[in-house]
Amino acid sequence: MDEADRVSGLYERHAATFDRIRGRGLLEKTWLARFTAPLAAGAAILDLGCGSGEPMAASLIEGGFAVTGVDSSETLIGLCRTRHPKADWHVADMRLFATEKTFAGVLAWHSFFHLTPADQRAMFPRFAAMTERGGMLMFTSGTAHGVAIGNFVGEPLYHASLDAGEYRALLAENGFVVLAHLAEDPDCGGATVWLAQKA
């Protein structure tokens, strides 16, 4: 098993720690507002890699959106179900999650970048299939092509990224128009954010 395949197990082992230290200050507020601005009230949003649902899914639910959350950690999804029982929660790998529904918004915040470059490329047709025409897609990435191994609770944590040109090409090939891209946003904890809309 390589480091990318260990990510799911790491988050399950340390779910309580992740939930405890995950910031609730919603640094992502500005990006969430841009993501949801074109959406109708009550629109369906898919959150891939939703973690414990805090703070992003919680903010969307409070905003009246119909959230479907997906995470590979059974413990984290259990927290989501306890905190927000009216939302739709699934224990699943985002690469394998299957649904016949389409969504007005698809979000993969600080989750998509745990996939290998090959798996990231394979996600773009899946994003397209799950996003309604005119729907929004937002995800975070690294700043350049490569792999970076971080550390979480003393264990190695895999991250990978394509380069910006390849992300733009993949988005275009799958019917998305880039609305915004900001590398290492200083107002959002240094996140590198992509916001796109399905044409």
N, C-alpha and C. Protein backbone atom coordinates (compact mmCIF):
# COMPACT_ATOMS: atom_id res chain seq x y z
N MET A 1 0.85 -1.19 0.00
CA MET A 1 0.00 0.00 0.00
C MET A 1 0.89 1.25 0.00
N ASP A 2 0.62 2.18 -0.94
CA ASP A 2 1.43 3.39 -0.96
C ASP A 2 0.77 4.45 -0.09
N GLU A 3 1.44 5.60 0.04
CA GLU A 3 0.97 6.63 0.97
C GLU A 3 -0.41 7.15 0.59
N ALA A 4 -0.72 7.25 -0.70
CA ALA A 4 -2.04 7.74 -1.10
C ALA A 4 -3.14 6.80 -0.62
N ASP A 5 -2.89 5.49 -0.66
CA ASP A 5 -3.90 4.53 -0.24
C ASP A 5 -4.08 4.51 1.28
N ARG A 6 -3.15 5.09 2.00
CA ARG A 6 -3.23 5.09 3.47
C ARG A 6 -4.04 6.27 4.02
N VAL A 7 -4.39 7.22 3.15
CA VAL A 7 -5.05 8.44 3.62
C VAL A 7 -6.36 8.12 4.33
N SER A 8 -7.19 7.26 3.73
CA SER A 8 -8.49 6.96 4.32
C SER A 8 -8.35 6.37 5.72
N GLY A 9 -7.43 5.42 5.87
CA GLY A 9 -7.22 4.80 7.17
C GLY A 9 -6.70 5.78 8.20
N LEU A 10 -5.85 6.70 7.76
CA LEU A 10 -5.30 7.70 8.68
C LEU A 10 -6.42 8.57 9.24
N TYR A 11 -7.31 9.05 8.38
CA TYR A 11 -8.39 9.91 8.87
C TYR A 11 -9.36 9.14 9.77
N GLU A 12 -9.56 7.87 9.49
CA GLU A 12 -10.44 7.08 10.35
C GLU A 12 -9.79 6.87 11.72
N ARG A 13 -8.51 6.56 11.76
CA ARG A 13 -7.82 6.35 13.03
C ARG A 13 -7.81 7.61 13.89
N HIS A 14 -7.70 8.74 13.23
CA HIS A 14 -7.53 10.00 13.96
C HIS A 14 -8.73 10.93 13.76
N ALA A 15 -9.91 10.33 13.57
CA ALA A 15 -11.11 11.14 13.31
C ALA A 15 -11.41 12.12 14.43
N ALA A 16 -11.30 11.68 15.67
CA ALA A 16 -11.61 12.56 16.79
C ALA A 16 -10.64 13.73 16.86
N THR A 17 -9.37 13.46 16.60
CA THR A 17 -8.38 14.53 16.60
C THR A 17 -8.64 15.50 15.47
N PHE A 18 -8.92 14.97 14.28
CA PHE A 18 -9.20 15.84 13.14
C PHE A 18 -10.39 16.76 13.44
N ASP A 19 -11.45 16.18 13.99
CA ASP A 19 -12.63 16.97 14.29
C ASP A 19 -12.31 18.04 15.33
N ARG A 20 -11.50 17.71 16.31
CA ARG A 20 -11.19 18.65 17.37
C ARG A 20 -10.37 19.84 16.86
N ILE A 21 -9.43 19.58 15.96
CA ILE A 21 -8.53 20.66 15.55
C ILE A 21 -8.98 21.36 14.27
N ARG A 22 -10.00 20.81 13.59
CA ARG A 22 -10.48 21.46 12.37
C ARG A 22 -11.07 22.82 12.73
N GLY A 23 -10.52 23.86 12.12
CA GLY A 23 -10.95 25.21 12.43
C GLY A 23 -12.43 25.42 12.15
N ARG A 24 -13.11 26.10 13.06
CA ARG A 24 -14.53 26.41 12.89
C ARG A 24 -14.75 27.87 12.50
N GLY A 25 -13.66 28.61 12.30
CA GLY A 25 -13.78 30.04 12.01
C GLY A 25 -14.27 30.37 10.62
N LEU A 26 -14.39 29.38 9.77
CA LEU A 26 -14.87 29.54 8.39
C LEU A 26 -14.05 30.58 7.62
N LEU A 27 -12.75 30.34 7.58
CA LEU A 27 -11.89 31.14 6.71
C LEU A 27 -12.35 31.05 5.26
N GLU A 28 -13.08 29.98 4.95
CA GLU A 28 -13.53 29.72 3.59
C GLU A 28 -14.77 30.52 3.20
N LYS A 29 -15.24 31.39 4.09
CA LYS A 29 -16.53 32.06 3.91
C LYS A 29 -16.63 32.78 2.57
N THR A 30 -15.60 33.51 2.18
CA THR A 30 -15.65 34.27 0.93
C THR A 30 -15.78 33.35 -0.27
N TRP A 31 -15.02 32.25 -0.26
CA TRP A 31 -15.10 31.31 -1.37
C TRP A 31 -16.44 30.59 -1.39
N LEU A 32 -16.96 30.23 -0.24
CA LEU A 32 -18.27 29.59 -0.19
C LEU A 32 -19.34 30.53 -0.74
N ALA A 33 -19.22 31.81 -0.43
CA ALA A 33 -20.18 32.78 -0.94
C ALA A 33 -20.13 32.87 -2.46
N ARG A 34 -18.94 32.84 -3.02
CA ARG A 34 -18.81 32.87 -4.49
C ARG A 34 -19.34 31.59 -5.11
N PHE A 35 -19.10 30.47 -4.45
CA PHE A 35 -19.57 29.17 -4.92
C PHE A 35 -21.10 29.10 -4.95
N THR A 36 -21.73 29.63 -3.92
CA THR A 36 -23.18 29.51 -3.81
C THR A 36 -23.95 30.66 -4.45
N ALA A 37 -23.27 31.75 -4.79
CA ALA A 37 -23.97 32.93 -5.29
C ALA A 37 -24.90 32.65 -6.47
N PRO A 38 -24.50 31.81 -7.45
CA PRO A 38 -25.40 31.58 -8.59
C PRO A 38 -26.49 30.54 -8.32
N LEU A 39 -26.47 29.91 -7.16
CA LEU A 39 -27.36 28.77 -6.90
C LEU A 39 -28.71 29.23 -6.37
N ALA A 40 -29.73 28.49 -6.74
CA ALA A 40 -31.08 28.77 -6.26
C ALA A 40 -31.20 28.35 -4.80
N ALA A 41 -32.16 28.95 -4.12
CA ALA A 41 -32.43 28.57 -2.73
C ALA A 41 -32.75 27.08 -2.67
N GLY A 42 -32.13 26.40 -1.70
CA GLY A 42 -32.40 24.98 -1.51
C GLY A 42 -31.72 24.06 -2.51
N ALA A 43 -30.82 24.59 -3.32
CA ALA A 43 -30.15 23.79 -4.34
C ALA A 43 -29.37 22.63 -3.71
N ALA A 44 -29.21 21.56 -4.50
CA ALA A 44 -28.49 20.37 -4.04
C ALA A 44 -26.99 20.56 -4.23
N ILE A 45 -26.23 20.30 -3.16
CA ILE A 45 -24.78 20.42 -3.19
C ILE A 45 -24.16 19.12 -2.72
N LEU A 46 -23.14 18.66 -3.45
CA LEU A 46 -22.39 17.46 -3.11
C LEU A 46 -21.04 17.87 -2.53
N ASP A 47 -20.76 17.44 -1.31
CA ASP A 47 -19.51 17.74 -0.62
C ASP A 47 -18.68 16.47 -0.55
N LEU A 48 -17.66 16.38 -1.39
CA LEU A 48 -16.81 15.20 -1.49
C LEU A 48 -15.61 15.36 -0.55
N GLY A 49 -15.51 14.45 0.42
CA GLY A 49 -14.47 14.59 1.43
C GLY A 49 -14.93 15.59 2.49
N CYS A 50 -16.14 15.40 2.98
CA CYS A 50 -16.79 16.37 3.86
C CYS A 50 -16.25 16.35 5.27
N GLY A 51 -15.47 15.33 5.64
CA GLY A 51 -14.95 15.24 7.00
C GLY A 51 -16.08 15.14 8.01
N SER A 52 -15.98 15.90 9.09
CA SER A 52 -16.99 15.87 10.14
C SER A 52 -18.14 16.84 9.88
N GLY A 53 -18.12 17.47 8.70
CA GLY A 53 -19.18 18.40 8.34
C GLY A 53 -18.98 19.81 8.86
N GLU A 54 -17.87 20.02 9.55
CA GLU A 54 -17.60 21.33 10.14
C GLU A 54 -16.33 21.92 9.52
N PRO A 55 -16.37 23.18 9.13
CA PRO A 55 -17.51 24.10 9.20
C PRO A 55 -18.25 24.25 7.88
N MET A 56 -17.74 23.66 6.78
CA MET A 56 -18.25 24.02 5.46
C MET A 56 -19.63 23.44 5.19
N ALA A 57 -19.79 22.13 5.36
CA ALA A 57 -21.11 21.54 5.14
C ALA A 57 -22.13 22.16 6.08
N ALA A 58 -21.73 22.40 7.32
CA ALA A 58 -22.63 23.01 8.29
C ALA A 58 -23.10 24.38 7.82
N SER A 59 -22.18 25.16 7.26
CA SER A 59 -22.54 26.48 6.77
C SER A 59 -23.52 26.38 5.60
N LEU A 60 -23.30 25.42 4.72
CA LEU A 60 -24.20 25.23 3.58
C LEU A 60 -25.59 24.81 4.05
N ILE A 61 -25.62 23.91 5.02
CA ILE A 61 -26.91 23.45 5.57
C ILE A 61 -27.65 24.62 6.23
N GLU A 62 -26.91 25.41 6.99
CA GLU A 62 -27.52 26.58 7.64
C GLU A 62 -28.03 27.57 6.60
N GLY A 63 -27.41 27.58 5.43
CA GLY A 63 -27.83 28.46 4.35
C GLY A 63 -29.03 27.93 3.57
N GLY A 64 -29.52 26.77 3.96
CA GLY A 64 -30.72 26.23 3.34
C GLY A 64 -30.48 25.30 2.16
N PHE A 65 -29.22 24.96 1.91
CA PHE A 65 -28.94 24.06 0.79
C PHE A 65 -29.13 22.60 1.19
N ALA A 66 -29.46 21.78 0.20
CA ALA A 66 -29.65 20.35 0.41
C ALA A 66 -28.31 19.65 0.20
N VAL A 67 -27.64 19.32 1.29
CA VAL A 67 -26.27 18.80 1.23
C VAL A 67 -26.25 17.28 1.22
N THR A 68 -25.46 16.74 0.30
CA THR A 68 -25.07 15.33 0.31
C THR A 68 -23.58 15.30 0.60
N GLY A 69 -23.21 14.64 1.68
CA GLY A 69 -21.81 14.59 2.07
C GLY A 69 -21.23 13.19 1.92
N VAL A 70 -20.00 13.13 1.45
CA VAL A 70 -19.31 11.86 1.20
C VAL A 70 -17.95 11.91 1.86
N ASP A 71 -17.62 10.90 2.65
CA ASP A 71 -16.29 10.79 3.23
C ASP A 71 -15.98 9.31 3.44
N SER A 72 -14.71 8.96 3.36
CA SER A 72 -14.32 7.56 3.52
C SER A 72 -14.28 7.12 4.98
N SER A 73 -14.32 8.08 5.91
CA SER A 73 -14.24 7.76 7.33
C SER A 73 -15.63 7.53 7.92
N GLU A 74 -15.87 6.33 8.40
CA GLU A 74 -17.16 6.02 9.02
C GLU A 74 -17.38 6.86 10.27
N THR A 75 -16.31 7.10 11.03
CA THR A 75 -16.44 7.87 12.25
C THR A 75 -16.81 9.32 11.95
N LEU A 76 -16.16 9.92 10.96
CA LEU A 76 -16.47 11.30 10.61
C LEU A 76 -17.89 11.43 10.07
N ILE A 77 -18.32 10.49 9.25
CA ILE A 77 -19.69 10.52 8.75
C ILE A 77 -20.67 10.33 9.91
N GLY A 78 -20.30 9.53 10.88
CA GLY A 78 -21.14 9.38 12.06
C GLY A 78 -21.35 10.70 12.77
N LEU A 79 -20.30 11.52 12.87
CA LEU A 79 -20.44 12.84 13.47
C LEU A 79 -21.37 13.72 12.64
N CYS A 80 -21.24 13.64 11.32
CA CYS A 80 -22.13 14.41 10.44
C CYS A 80 -23.59 14.03 10.67
N ARG A 81 -23.84 12.73 10.75
CA ARG A 81 -25.22 12.27 10.92
C ARG A 81 -25.80 12.71 12.26
N THR A 82 -24.96 12.73 13.28
CA THR A 82 -25.42 13.17 14.60
C THR A 82 -25.73 14.67 14.60
N ARG A 83 -24.84 15.44 13.99
CA ARG A 83 -24.97 16.90 14.03
C ARG A 83 -26.02 17.44 13.07
N HIS A 84 -26.14 16.78 11.92
CA HIS A 84 -27.02 17.28 10.86
C HIS A 84 -27.83 16.12 10.28
N PRO A 85 -28.77 15.59 11.05
CA PRO A 85 -29.46 14.37 10.64
C PRO A 85 -30.34 14.51 9.41
N LYS A 86 -30.68 15.71 9.01
CA LYS A 86 -31.56 15.88 7.85
C LYS A 86 -30.79 15.88 6.53
N ALA A 87 -29.47 16.00 6.60
CA ALA A 87 -28.67 15.94 5.37
C ALA A 87 -28.44 14.47 4.99
N ASP A 88 -27.88 14.27 3.81
CA ASP A 88 -27.69 12.94 3.24
C ASP A 88 -26.20 12.59 3.28
N TRP A 89 -25.83 11.63 4.13
CA TRP A 89 -24.41 11.34 4.37
C TRP A 89 -24.06 9.93 3.90
N HIS A 90 -22.87 9.79 3.31
CA HIS A 90 -22.45 8.50 2.75
C HIS A 90 -21.00 8.21 3.13
N VAL A 91 -20.74 6.99 3.58
CA VAL A 91 -19.37 6.51 3.76
C VAL A 91 -18.93 5.93 2.43
N ALA A 92 -18.01 6.61 1.76
CA ALA A 92 -17.58 6.16 0.43
C ALA A 92 -16.30 6.89 0.04
N ASP A 93 -15.56 6.27 -0.84
CA ASP A 93 -14.40 6.87 -1.49
C ASP A 93 -14.92 7.75 -2.63
N MET A 94 -14.49 8.98 -2.69
CA MET A 94 -15.00 9.87 -3.74
C MET A 94 -14.75 9.33 -5.14
N ARG A 95 -13.71 8.52 -5.29
CA ARG A 95 -13.40 7.95 -6.61
C ARG A 95 -14.42 6.91 -7.03
N LEU A 96 -15.15 6.36 -6.06
CA LEU A 96 -16.08 5.27 -6.34
C LEU A 96 -17.53 5.63 -6.07
N PHE A 97 -17.77 6.76 -5.43
CA PHE A 97 -19.13 7.15 -5.07
C PHE A 97 -20.00 7.22 -6.33
N ALA A 98 -21.14 6.53 -6.27
CA ALA A 98 -22.03 6.47 -7.44
C ALA A 98 -23.40 7.01 -7.05
N THR A 99 -23.94 7.85 -7.89
CA THR A 99 -25.27 8.39 -7.69
C THR A 99 -25.88 8.72 -9.04
N GLU A 100 -27.19 8.60 -9.12
CA GLU A 100 -27.88 9.01 -10.34
C GLU A 100 -28.28 10.48 -10.27
N LYS A 101 -28.13 11.08 -9.10
CA LYS A 101 -28.47 12.49 -8.94
C LYS A 101 -27.42 13.38 -9.60
N THR A 102 -27.84 14.56 -9.96
CA THR A 102 -26.90 15.61 -10.32
C THR A 102 -27.08 16.75 -9.34
N PHE A 103 -26.08 17.61 -9.25
CA PHE A 103 -26.03 18.62 -8.21
C PHE A 103 -25.77 20.00 -8.82
N ALA A 104 -26.34 21.00 -8.17
CA ALA A 104 -26.10 22.37 -8.59
C ALA A 104 -24.70 22.84 -8.19
N GLY A 105 -24.12 22.16 -7.21
CA GLY A 105 -22.77 22.48 -6.79
C GLY A 105 -22.04 21.23 -6.33
N VAL A 106 -20.77 21.12 -6.70
CA VAL A 106 -19.91 20.02 -6.26
C VAL A 106 -18.68 20.64 -5.62
N LEU A 107 -18.38 20.20 -4.41
CA LEU A 107 -17.31 20.77 -3.61
C LEU A 107 -16.34 19.66 -3.22
N ALA A 108 -15.04 19.92 -3.38
CA ALA A 108 -14.01 18.96 -2.94
C ALA A 108 -12.88 19.77 -2.30
N TRP A 109 -13.14 20.21 -1.09
CA TRP A 109 -12.27 21.17 -0.39
C TRP A 109 -11.30 20.42 0.53
N HIS A 110 -10.02 20.59 0.29
CA HIS A 110 -8.97 19.96 1.09
C HIS A 110 -9.17 18.43 1.17
N SER A 111 -9.65 17.86 0.10
CA SER A 111 -9.85 16.40 0.02
C SER A 111 -9.33 15.87 -1.31
N PHE A 112 -9.67 16.56 -2.38
CA PHE A 112 -9.27 16.16 -3.72
C PHE A 112 -7.75 16.04 -3.85
N PHE A 113 -7.02 16.89 -3.11
CA PHE A 113 -5.56 16.87 -3.25
C PHE A 113 -4.90 15.70 -2.52
N HIS A 114 -5.69 14.84 -1.89
CA HIS A 114 -5.13 13.60 -1.34
C HIS A 114 -5.10 12.48 -2.37
N LEU A 115 -5.67 12.71 -3.55
CA LEU A 115 -5.65 11.70 -4.61
C LEU A 115 -4.36 11.79 -5.42
N THR A 116 -3.97 10.67 -6.00
CA THR A 116 -2.80 10.67 -6.88
C THR A 116 -3.10 11.51 -8.11
N PRO A 117 -2.07 11.97 -8.83
CA PRO A 117 -2.33 12.70 -10.07
C PRO A 117 -3.23 11.94 -11.04
N ALA A 118 -3.01 10.64 -11.20
CA ALA A 118 -3.85 9.86 -12.11
C ALA A 118 -5.29 9.83 -11.65
N ASP A 119 -5.50 9.66 -10.35
CA ASP A 119 -6.86 9.65 -9.83
C ASP A 119 -7.51 11.02 -9.93
N GLN A 120 -6.74 12.07 -9.76
CA GLN A 120 -7.29 13.41 -9.94
C GLN A 120 -7.78 13.60 -11.38
N ARG A 121 -6.98 13.19 -12.33
CA ARG A 121 -7.40 13.32 -13.74
C ARG A 121 -8.70 12.58 -13.99
N ALA A 122 -8.81 11.40 -13.41
CA ALA A 122 -10.00 10.57 -13.62
C ALA A 122 -11.25 11.15 -12.96
N MET A 123 -11.08 12.07 -12.03
CA MET A 123 -12.23 12.66 -11.34
C MET A 123 -12.97 13.68 -12.21
N PHE A 124 -12.30 14.28 -13.17
CA PHE A 124 -12.96 15.37 -13.89
C PHE A 124 -14.17 14.92 -14.71
N PRO A 125 -14.13 13.78 -15.39
CA PRO A 125 -15.38 13.30 -16.01
C PRO A 125 -16.46 12.99 -14.98
N ARG A 126 -16.07 12.55 -13.80
CA ARG A 126 -17.04 12.29 -12.73
C ARG A 126 -17.64 13.61 -12.22
N PHE A 127 -16.80 14.62 -12.06
CA PHE A 127 -17.32 15.94 -11.70
C PHE A 127 -18.37 16.38 -12.72
N ALA A 128 -18.04 16.23 -13.99
CA ALA A 128 -18.95 16.67 -15.05
C ALA A 128 -20.27 15.91 -15.01
N ALA A 129 -20.18 14.60 -14.77
CA ALA A 129 -21.39 13.78 -14.75
C ALA A 129 -22.30 14.13 -13.58
N MET A 130 -21.72 14.59 -12.49
CA MET A 130 -22.50 14.86 -11.28
C MET A 130 -22.98 16.31 -11.18
N THR A 131 -22.50 17.18 -12.06
CA THR A 131 -22.82 18.60 -11.98
C THR A 131 -23.86 18.97 -13.04
N GLU A 132 -24.90 19.65 -12.60
CA GLU A 132 -25.92 20.12 -13.52
C GLU A 132 -25.34 21.17 -14.47
N ARG A 133 -25.98 21.33 -15.61
CA ARG A 133 -25.61 22.43 -16.51
C ARG A 133 -25.77 23.75 -15.77
N GLY A 134 -24.75 24.57 -15.82
CA GLY A 134 -24.76 25.82 -15.09
C GLY A 134 -24.34 25.68 -13.64
N GLY A 135 -24.08 24.46 -13.19
CA GLY A 135 -23.70 24.21 -11.81
C GLY A 135 -22.26 24.59 -11.53
N MET A 136 -21.94 24.65 -10.25
CA MET A 136 -20.63 25.12 -9.80
C MET A 136 -19.77 23.96 -9.31
N LEU A 137 -18.47 24.09 -9.52
CA LEU A 137 -17.48 23.14 -9.01
C LEU A 137 -16.40 23.94 -8.31
N MET A 138 -16.06 23.54 -7.09
CA MET A 138 -14.96 24.20 -6.38
C MET A 138 -14.10 23.14 -5.70
N PHE A 139 -12.80 23.27 -5.88
CA PHE A 139 -11.86 22.34 -5.24
C PHE A 139 -10.57 23.06 -4.93
N THR A 140 -9.77 22.45 -4.06
CA THR A 140 -8.46 22.98 -3.73
C THR A 140 -7.39 22.03 -4.27
N SER A 141 -6.24 22.60 -4.58
CA SER A 141 -5.13 21.83 -5.15
C SER A 141 -3.82 22.35 -4.57
N GLY A 142 -2.74 21.80 -5.08
CA GLY A 142 -1.43 22.37 -4.82
C GLY A 142 -1.14 23.46 -5.84
N THR A 143 0.07 23.97 -5.80
CA THR A 143 0.43 25.07 -6.70
C THR A 143 1.22 24.62 -7.93
N ALA A 144 1.74 23.40 -7.90
CA ALA A 144 2.57 22.91 -9.01
C ALA A 144 2.48 21.39 -9.05
N HIS A 145 2.82 20.82 -10.19
CA HIS A 145 2.77 19.37 -10.34
C HIS A 145 3.77 18.71 -9.39
N GLY A 146 3.29 17.72 -8.65
CA GLY A 146 4.19 17.00 -7.76
C GLY A 146 3.47 16.39 -6.58
N VAL A 147 4.23 15.72 -5.75
CA VAL A 147 3.73 15.05 -4.55
C VAL A 147 4.39 15.67 -3.34
N ALA A 148 3.62 15.87 -2.29
CA ALA A 148 4.15 16.37 -1.03
C ALA A 148 3.62 15.51 0.10
N ILE A 149 4.48 15.08 0.97
CA ILE A 149 4.08 14.26 2.11
C ILE A 149 4.12 15.13 3.36
N GLY A 150 2.94 15.38 3.90
CA GLY A 150 2.84 16.14 5.14
C GLY A 150 2.87 15.22 6.34
N ASN A 151 2.36 15.71 7.44
CA ASN A 151 2.35 14.93 8.68
C ASN A 151 1.08 15.24 9.45
N PHE A 152 0.41 14.20 9.89
CA PHE A 152 -0.77 14.39 10.73
C PHE A 152 -0.73 13.38 11.87
N VAL A 153 -0.71 13.87 13.09
CA VAL A 153 -0.62 13.05 14.30
C VAL A 153 0.54 12.06 14.18
N GLY A 154 1.66 12.54 13.67
CA GLY A 154 2.87 11.72 13.59
C GLY A 154 2.90 10.73 12.46
N GLU A 155 1.91 10.76 11.57
CA GLU A 155 1.88 9.85 10.43
C GLU A 155 2.01 10.63 9.13
N PRO A 156 2.63 10.03 8.11
CA PRO A 156 2.75 10.72 6.83
C PRO A 156 1.38 10.87 6.16
N LEU A 157 1.15 12.06 5.59
CA LEU A 157 -0.12 12.37 4.94
C LEU A 157 0.15 12.83 3.52
N TYR A 158 -0.38 12.07 2.58
CA TYR A 158 -0.10 12.26 1.14
C TYR A 158 -0.92 13.42 0.57
N HIS A 159 -0.24 14.23 -0.25
CA HIS A 159 -0.88 15.25 -1.07
C HIS A 159 -0.25 15.21 -2.46
N ALA A 160 -1.04 15.55 -3.47
CA ALA A 160 -0.50 15.63 -4.82
C ALA A 160 -1.21 16.74 -5.59
N SER A 161 -0.58 17.19 -6.65
CA SER A 161 -1.18 18.24 -7.47
C SER A 161 -0.72 18.08 -8.92
N LEU A 162 -1.58 18.53 -9.80
CA LEU A 162 -1.20 18.77 -11.18
C LEU A 162 -0.77 20.23 -11.28
N ASP A 163 -0.28 20.64 -12.45
CA ASP A 163 0.01 22.07 -12.58
C ASP A 163 -1.23 22.81 -13.06
N ALA A 164 -1.19 24.12 -12.93
CA ALA A 164 -2.37 24.93 -13.23
C ALA A 164 -2.84 24.75 -14.67
N GLY A 165 -1.90 24.64 -15.59
CA GLY A 165 -2.28 24.47 -16.99
C GLY A 165 -3.05 23.19 -17.23
N GLU A 166 -2.64 22.12 -16.56
CA GLU A 166 -3.35 20.86 -16.74
C GLU A 166 -4.74 20.92 -16.11
N TYR A 167 -4.87 21.54 -14.94
CA TYR A 167 -6.21 21.69 -14.36
C TYR A 167 -7.11 22.47 -15.30
N ARG A 168 -6.60 23.55 -15.86
CA ARG A 168 -7.42 24.34 -16.79
C ARG A 168 -7.85 23.50 -18.00
N ALA A 169 -6.92 22.70 -18.52
CA ALA A 169 -7.25 21.87 -19.67
C ALA A 169 -8.29 20.81 -19.32
N LEU A 170 -8.14 20.17 -18.18
CA LEU A 170 -9.10 19.15 -17.75
C LEU A 170 -10.49 19.75 -17.52
N LEU A 171 -10.52 20.92 -16.93
CA LEU A 171 -11.81 21.58 -16.73
C LEU A 171 -12.46 21.88 -18.07
N ALA A 172 -11.71 22.45 -18.99
CA ALA A 172 -12.26 22.78 -20.31
C ALA A 172 -12.72 21.54 -21.05
N GLU A 173 -11.93 20.48 -21.01
CA GLU A 173 -12.29 19.24 -21.71
C GLU A 173 -13.57 18.63 -21.18
N ASN A 174 -13.89 18.92 -19.93
CA ASN A 174 -15.07 18.34 -19.30
C ASN A 174 -16.21 19.34 -19.13
N GLY A 175 -16.13 20.43 -19.89
CA GLY A 175 -17.26 21.33 -19.99
C GLY A 175 -17.36 22.40 -18.93
N PHE A 176 -16.24 22.70 -18.24
CA PHE A 176 -16.25 23.72 -17.19
C PHE A 176 -15.49 24.97 -17.64
N VAL A 177 -16.00 26.10 -17.23
CA VAL A 177 -15.34 27.39 -17.45
C VAL A 177 -14.77 27.86 -16.11
N VAL A 178 -13.50 28.19 -16.08
CA VAL A 178 -12.88 28.66 -14.84
C VAL A 178 -13.35 30.09 -14.55
N LEU A 179 -13.95 30.28 -13.39
CA LEU A 179 -14.39 31.60 -12.96
C LEU A 179 -13.36 32.30 -12.09
N ALA A 180 -12.62 31.50 -11.32
CA ALA A 180 -11.61 32.07 -10.43
C ALA A 180 -10.59 31.01 -10.07
N HIS A 181 -9.36 31.45 -9.95
CA HIS A 181 -8.28 30.57 -9.47
C HIS A 181 -7.31 31.45 -8.71
N LEU A 182 -7.03 31.09 -7.48
CA LEU A 182 -6.09 31.85 -6.67
C LEU A 182 -5.16 30.89 -5.95
N ALA A 183 -3.89 31.08 -6.17
CA ALA A 183 -2.89 30.24 -5.51
C ALA A 183 -2.55 30.81 -4.15
N GLU A 184 -2.57 29.94 -3.15
CA GLU A 184 -2.14 30.27 -1.79
C GLU A 184 -2.81 31.55 -1.29
N ASP A 185 -4.13 31.55 -1.31
CA ASP A 185 -4.91 32.70 -0.87
C ASP A 185 -4.56 33.04 0.59
N PRO A 186 -3.97 34.20 0.84
CA PRO A 186 -3.56 34.53 2.20
C PRO A 186 -4.74 34.75 3.15
N ASP A 187 -5.91 35.01 2.59
CA ASP A 187 -7.09 35.22 3.42
C ASP A 187 -7.86 33.93 3.69
N CYS A 188 -7.33 32.82 3.17
CA CYS A 188 -8.01 31.54 3.33
C CYS A 188 -7.01 30.45 3.74
N GLY A 189 -6.13 30.81 4.65
CA GLY A 189 -5.18 29.84 5.18
C GLY A 189 -4.19 29.32 4.18
N GLY A 190 -3.96 30.07 3.11
CA GLY A 190 -3.01 29.64 2.09
C GLY A 190 -3.56 28.63 1.10
N ALA A 191 -4.87 28.45 1.07
CA ALA A 191 -5.48 27.49 0.15
C ALA A 191 -5.34 27.93 -1.30
N THR A 192 -5.10 26.97 -2.17
CA THR A 192 -5.10 27.22 -3.62
C THR A 192 -6.44 26.74 -4.15
N VAL A 193 -7.24 27.66 -4.64
CA VAL A 193 -8.66 27.40 -4.90
C VAL A 193 -8.97 27.53 -6.39
N TRP A 194 -9.82 26.61 -6.84
CA TRP A 194 -10.38 26.63 -8.20
C TRP A 194 -11.91 26.71 -8.09
N LEU A 195 -12.47 27.67 -8.83
CA LEU A 195 -13.93 27.82 -8.90
C LEU A 195 -14.31 27.81 -10.37
N ALA A 196 -15.19 26.88 -10.75
CA ALA A 196 -15.57 26.74 -12.16
C ALA A 196 -17.07 26.51 -12.27
N GLN A 197 -17.58 26.76 -13.47
CA GLN A 197 -19.00 26.57 -13.73
C GLN A 197 -19.16 25.71 -14.97
N LYS A 198 -20.11 24.76 -14.91
CA LYS A 198 -20.35 23.89 -16.05
C LYS A 198 -21.12 24.66 -17.12
N ALA A 199 -20.57 24.68 -18.29
CA ALA A 199 -21.16 25.46 -19.39
C ALA A 199 -22.49 24.85 -19.82
